[in-house]
Amino acid sequence: MDAVIIYESLTGNTEQAARLIATELYRYGVDTRIYNIGAVDAEQVAKADLVLVGTWTDGIVIAGQRPGRKGKISKLLPDLSGKRCVTFCTFAVNPGKTTDKLGAVVEAHGGEVLGGYSMHRKHLSEQAADFVERTMAAVQEGAAA
């Protein structure tokens, strides 16, 4: 299985999360490539079996949370038609529905969203492992259907 992780990061937390996720995917034998949204290789995305898209949570602490740089992601995300996708976000206080909103962006690009996961910036290592475990279970469940 091949995967591509596409991320947008403001302070480095989401980039760190993407790298931790890639390490965890490697433990499952998944060949993974990581790209900042500004440097995505559409050819690699087209070849991938799984696409993971992540950003940080932007907005007011208690309301209005949204994917960071959603407009940039919408503009630069390549065609995801026929791709199984998963979203993730990093956050400091409350992610709200950031992964759902990011999922809508992914779906608008043709991706089939299997789920989303929010990762607290202080617990990236352990949450990356949990995220990948859940992602692999969703992929296997989708493959069995």
C-alpha atoms as a PDB file:
ATOM      1  CA  MET A   1       0.000   0.000   0.000  1.00  0.00           C
ATOM      2  CA  ASP A   2       1.157   3.541  -0.802  1.00  0.00           C
ATOM      3  CA  ALA A   3       0.075   6.659   1.066  1.00  0.00           C
ATOM      4  CA  VAL A   4       0.541  10.378   0.616  1.00  0.00           C
ATOM      5  CA  ILE A   5       0.300  12.843   3.482  1.00  0.00           C
ATOM      6  CA  ILE A   6      -0.521  16.417   2.505  1.00  0.00           C
ATOM      7  CA  TYR A   7      -0.300  19.024   5.249  1.00  0.00           C
ATOM      8  CA  GLU A   8      -0.397  22.745   5.936  1.00  0.00           C
ATOM      9  CA  SER A   9       1.444  23.912   9.043  1.00  0.00           C
ATOM     10  CA  LEU A  10       1.737  27.313  10.703  1.00  0.00           C
ATOM     11  CA  THR A  11       3.940  26.689  13.750  1.00  0.00           C
ATOM     12  CA  GLY A  12       5.361  23.280  12.853  1.00  0.00           C
ATOM     13  CA  ASN A  13       2.963  21.147  14.910  1.00  0.00           C
ATOM     14  CA  THR A  14       1.041  19.831  11.910  1.00  0.00           C
ATOM     15  CA  GLU A  15       4.264  19.105  10.040  1.00  0.00           C
ATOM     16  CA  GLN A  16       5.513  17.186  13.085  1.00  0.00           C
ATOM     17  CA  ALA A  17       2.207  15.300  13.224  1.00  0.00           C
ATOM     18  CA  ALA A  18       2.541  14.403   9.526  1.00  0.00           C
ATOM     19  CA  ARG A  19       6.043  13.022  10.106  1.00  0.00           C
ATOM     20  CA  LEU A  20       4.920  11.013  13.141  1.00  0.00           C
ATOM     21  CA  ILE A  21       1.980   9.632  11.153  1.00  0.00           C
ATOM     22  CA  ALA A  22       4.355   8.631   8.344  1.00  0.00           C
ATOM     23  CA  THR A  23       6.557   6.784  10.852  1.00  0.00           C
ATOM     24  CA  GLU A  24       3.536   4.927  12.210  1.00  0.00           C
ATOM     25  CA  LEU A  25       2.329   4.050   8.707  1.00  0.00           C
ATOM     26  CA  TYR A  26       5.780   2.657   7.958  1.00  0.00           C
ATOM     27  CA  ARG A  27       5.314   0.254  10.896  1.00  0.00           C
ATOM     28  CA  TYR A  28       2.291  -1.099   9.034  1.00  0.00           C
ATOM     29  CA  GLY A  29       4.374  -1.531   5.887  1.00  0.00           C
ATOM     30  CA  VAL A  30       2.834   1.467   4.131  1.00  0.00           C
ATOM     31  CA  ASP A  31       5.177   3.335   1.781  1.00  0.00           C
ATOM     32  CA  THR A  32       4.457   6.979   2.602  1.00  0.00           C
ATOM     33  CA  ARG A  33       5.397  10.309   1.048  1.00  0.00           C
ATOM     34  CA  ILE A  34       4.873  13.646   2.802  1.00  0.00           C
ATOM     35  CA  TYR A  35       4.147  16.948   1.060  1.00  0.00           C
ATOM     36  CA  ASN A  36       3.451  20.463   2.200  1.00  0.00           C
ATOM     37  CA  ILE A  37       0.312  21.662   0.406  1.00  0.00           C
ATOM     38  CA  GLY A  38       2.450  24.079  -1.607  1.00  0.00           C
ATOM     39  CA  ALA A  39       4.640  21.286  -2.988  1.00  0.00           C
ATOM     40  CA  VAL A  40       2.214  18.430  -3.647  1.00  0.00           C
ATOM     41  CA  ASP A  41       3.226  15.963  -6.358  1.00  0.00           C
ATOM     42  CA  ALA A  42      -0.059  15.245  -8.162  1.00  0.00           C
ATOM     43  CA  GLU A  43       1.488  12.209  -9.871  1.00  0.00           C
ATOM     44  CA  GLN A  44       2.310  10.622  -6.501  1.00  0.00           C
ATOM     45  CA  VAL A  45      -1.200  11.411  -5.253  1.00  0.00           C
ATOM     46  CA  ALA A  46      -2.634   9.711  -8.338  1.00  0.00           C
ATOM     47  CA  LYS A  47      -0.580   6.574  -7.558  1.00  0.00           C
ATOM     48  CA  ALA A  48      -1.445   6.492  -3.840  1.00  0.00           C
ATOM     49  CA  ASP A  49      -3.919   4.061  -2.295  1.00  0.00           C
ATOM     50  CA  LEU A  50      -4.550   6.377   0.653  1.00  0.00           C
ATOM     51  CA  VAL A  51      -4.347  10.165   1.014  1.00  0.00           C
ATOM     52  CA  LEU A  52      -4.150  11.878   4.394  1.00  0.00           C
ATOM     53  CA  VAL A  53      -4.796  15.623   4.569  1.00  0.00           C
ATOM     54  CA  GLY A  54      -4.017  17.697   7.646  1.00  0.00           C
ATOM     55  CA  THR A  55      -3.878  21.237   8.942  1.00  0.00           C
ATOM     56  CA  TRP A  56      -4.156  23.116  12.201  1.00  0.00           C
ATOM     57  CA  THR A  57      -7.298  24.385  13.891  1.00  0.00           C
ATOM     58  CA  ASP A  58      -7.899  28.080  13.326  1.00  0.00           C
ATOM     59  CA  GLY A  59     -10.564  30.331  14.840  1.00  0.00           C
ATOM     60  CA  ILE A  60     -11.878  31.440  18.179  1.00  0.00           C
ATOM     61  CA  VAL A  61     -11.117  29.172  21.135  1.00  0.00           C
ATOM     62  CA  ILE A  62     -14.717  28.253  21.954  1.00  0.00           C
ATOM     63  CA  ALA A  63     -16.481  28.662  18.597  1.00  0.00           C
ATOM     64  CA  GLY A  64     -15.890  29.046  14.892  1.00  0.00           C
ATOM     65  CA  GLN A  65     -13.075  26.530  14.612  1.00  0.00           C
ATOM     66  CA  ARG A  66     -12.058  25.756  11.039  1.00  0.00           C
ATOM     67  CA  PRO A  67      -9.191  24.281   9.061  1.00  0.00           C
ATOM     68  CA  GLY A  68      -6.189  26.612   8.969  1.00  0.00           C
ATOM     69  CA  ARG A  69      -5.681  28.123   5.506  1.00  0.00           C
ATOM     70  CA  LYS A  70      -8.722  26.300   4.193  1.00  0.00           C
ATOM     71  CA  GLY A  71      -8.766  28.483   1.069  1.00  0.00           C
ATOM     72  CA  LYS A  72      -5.169  27.629   0.229  1.00  0.00           C
ATOM     73  CA  ILE A  73      -5.848  23.928   0.737  1.00  0.00           C
ATOM     74  CA  SER A  74      -8.968  24.137  -1.448  1.00  0.00           C
ATOM     75  CA  LYS A  75      -7.016  25.857  -4.200  1.00  0.00           C
ATOM     76  CA  LEU A  76      -3.924  23.603  -4.164  1.00  0.00           C
ATOM     77  CA  LEU A  77      -5.349  20.180  -3.341  1.00  0.00           C
ATOM     78  CA  PRO A  78      -5.118  17.948  -6.431  1.00  0.00           C
ATOM     79  CA  ASP A  79      -7.873  15.751  -7.815  1.00  0.00           C
ATOM     80  CA  LEU A  80      -8.699  13.003  -5.314  1.00  0.00           C
ATOM     81  CA  SER A  81     -11.303  11.159  -7.367  1.00  0.00           C
ATOM     82  CA  GLY A  82     -11.436   7.510  -6.376  1.00  0.00           C
ATOM     83  CA  LYS A  83      -9.013   8.017  -3.461  1.00  0.00           C
ATOM     84  CA  ARG A  84      -9.634   6.807   0.069  1.00  0.00           C
ATOM     85  CA  CYS A  85      -8.825   9.753   2.304  1.00  0.00           C
ATOM     86  CA  VAL A  86      -8.508  10.601   5.977  1.00  0.00           C
ATOM     87  CA  THR A  87      -8.250  14.056   7.526  1.00  0.00           C
ATOM     88  CA  PHE A  88      -6.409  15.216  10.628  1.00  0.00           C
ATOM     89  CA  CYS A  89      -5.896  18.449  12.484  1.00  0.00           C
ATOM     90  CA  THR A  90      -3.726  19.678  15.302  1.00  0.00           C
ATOM     91  CA  PHE A  91      -5.116  21.920  18.004  1.00  0.00           C
ATOM     92  CA  ALA A  92      -4.247  23.676  21.261  1.00  0.00           C
ATOM     93  CA  VAL A  93      -7.596  24.048  23.038  1.00  0.00           C
ATOM     94  CA  ASN A  94     -10.642  22.814  21.109  1.00  0.00           C
ATOM     95  CA  PRO A  95     -10.729  21.452  17.535  1.00  0.00           C
ATOM     96  CA  GLY A  96     -14.493  21.811  17.150  1.00  0.00           C
ATOM     97  CA  LYS A  97     -15.541  20.316  13.803  1.00  0.00           C
ATOM     98  CA  THR A  98     -12.285  21.101  12.007  1.00  0.00           C
ATOM     99  CA  THR A  99     -11.795  17.572  10.650  1.00  0.00           C
ATOM    100  CA  ASP A 100     -15.390  17.476   9.353  1.00  0.00           C
ATOM    101  CA  LYS A 101     -14.900  20.812   7.592  1.00  0.00           C
ATOM    102  CA  LEU A 102     -11.598  19.627   6.140  1.00  0.00           C
ATOM    103  CA  GLY A 103     -13.366  16.435   5.076  1.00  0.00           C
ATOM    104  CA  ALA A 104     -15.837  18.527   3.089  1.00  0.00           C
ATOM    105  CA  VAL A 105     -12.912  20.132   1.230  1.00  0.00           C
ATOM    106  CA  VAL A 106     -11.464  16.693   0.473  1.00  0.00           C
ATOM    107  CA  GLU A 107     -14.848  15.428  -0.730  1.00  0.00           C
ATOM    108  CA  ALA A 108     -15.192  18.482  -2.977  1.00  0.00           C
ATOM    109  CA  HIS A 109     -11.978  17.296  -4.665  1.00  0.00           C
ATOM    110  CA  GLY A 110     -13.455  13.826  -5.206  1.00  0.00           C
ATOM    111  CA  GLY A 111     -11.975  12.002  -2.202  1.00  0.00           C
ATOM    112  CA  GLU A 112     -13.834   9.339  -0.231  1.00  0.00           C
ATOM    113  CA  VAL A 113     -13.355  10.408   3.393  1.00  0.00           C
ATOM    114  CA  LEU A 114     -13.054   7.441   5.752  1.00  0.00           C
ATOM    115  CA  GLY A 115     -12.829   9.615   8.855  1.00  0.00           C
ATOM    116  CA  GLY A 116     -10.962  12.343  10.660  1.00  0.00           C
ATOM    117  CA  TYR A 117      -8.849  12.717  13.789  1.00  0.00           C
ATOM    118  CA  SER A 118      -7.890  15.662  15.983  1.00  0.00           C
ATOM    119  CA  MET A 119      -4.485  15.669  17.667  1.00  0.00           C
ATOM    120  CA  HIS A 120      -3.579  17.871  20.639  1.00  0.00           C
ATOM    121  CA  ARG A 121      -0.261  19.593  20.013  1.00  0.00           C
ATOM    122  CA  LYS A 122       1.148  18.328  23.335  1.00  0.00           C
ATOM    123  CA  HIS A 123       0.292  14.670  22.645  1.00  0.00           C
ATOM    124  CA  LEU A 124       1.252  14.205  19.001  1.00  0.00           C
ATOM    125  CA  SER A 125       3.350  11.053  19.419  1.00  0.00           C
ATOM    126  CA  GLU A 126       0.762   8.922  21.161  1.00  0.00           C
ATOM    127  CA  GLN A 127      -2.134  10.349  19.174  1.00  0.00           C
ATOM    128  CA  ALA A 128      -0.342   9.736  15.866  1.00  0.00           C
ATOM    129  CA  ALA A 129      -0.091   6.058  16.788  1.00  0.00           C
ATOM    130  CA  ASP A 130      -3.798   5.936  17.685  1.00  0.00           C
ATOM    131  CA  PHE A 131      -4.736   7.807  14.501  1.00  0.00           C
ATOM    132  CA  VAL A 132      -2.831   5.369  12.305  1.00  0.00           C
ATOM    133  CA  GLU A 133      -4.286   2.354  14.122  1.00  0.00           C
ATOM    134  CA  ARG A 134      -7.800   3.697  13.511  1.00  0.00           C
ATOM    135  CA  THR A 135      -6.968   4.629   9.931  1.00  0.00           C
ATOM    136  CA  MET A 136      -5.648   1.164   9.121  1.00  0.00           C
ATOM    137  CA  ALA A 137      -8.755  -0.406  10.665  1.00  0.00           C
ATOM    138  CA  ALA A 138     -10.974   1.853   8.515  1.00  0.00           C
ATOM    139  CA  VAL A 139      -8.960   0.972   5.411  1.00  0.00           C
ATOM    140  CA  GLN A 140      -9.243  -2.738   6.148  1.00  0.00           C
ATOM    141  CA  GLU A 141     -12.968  -2.402   6.849  1.00  0.00           C
ATOM    142  CA  GLY A 142     -13.414  -0.570   3.544  1.00  0.00           C
ATOM    143  CA  ALA A 143     -11.420  -3.247   1.725  1.00  0.00           C
ATOM    144  CA  ALA A 144     -13.613  -5.988   3.191  1.00  0.00           C
ATOM    145  CA  ALA A 145     -16.862  -4.278   2.156  1.00  0.00           C
END
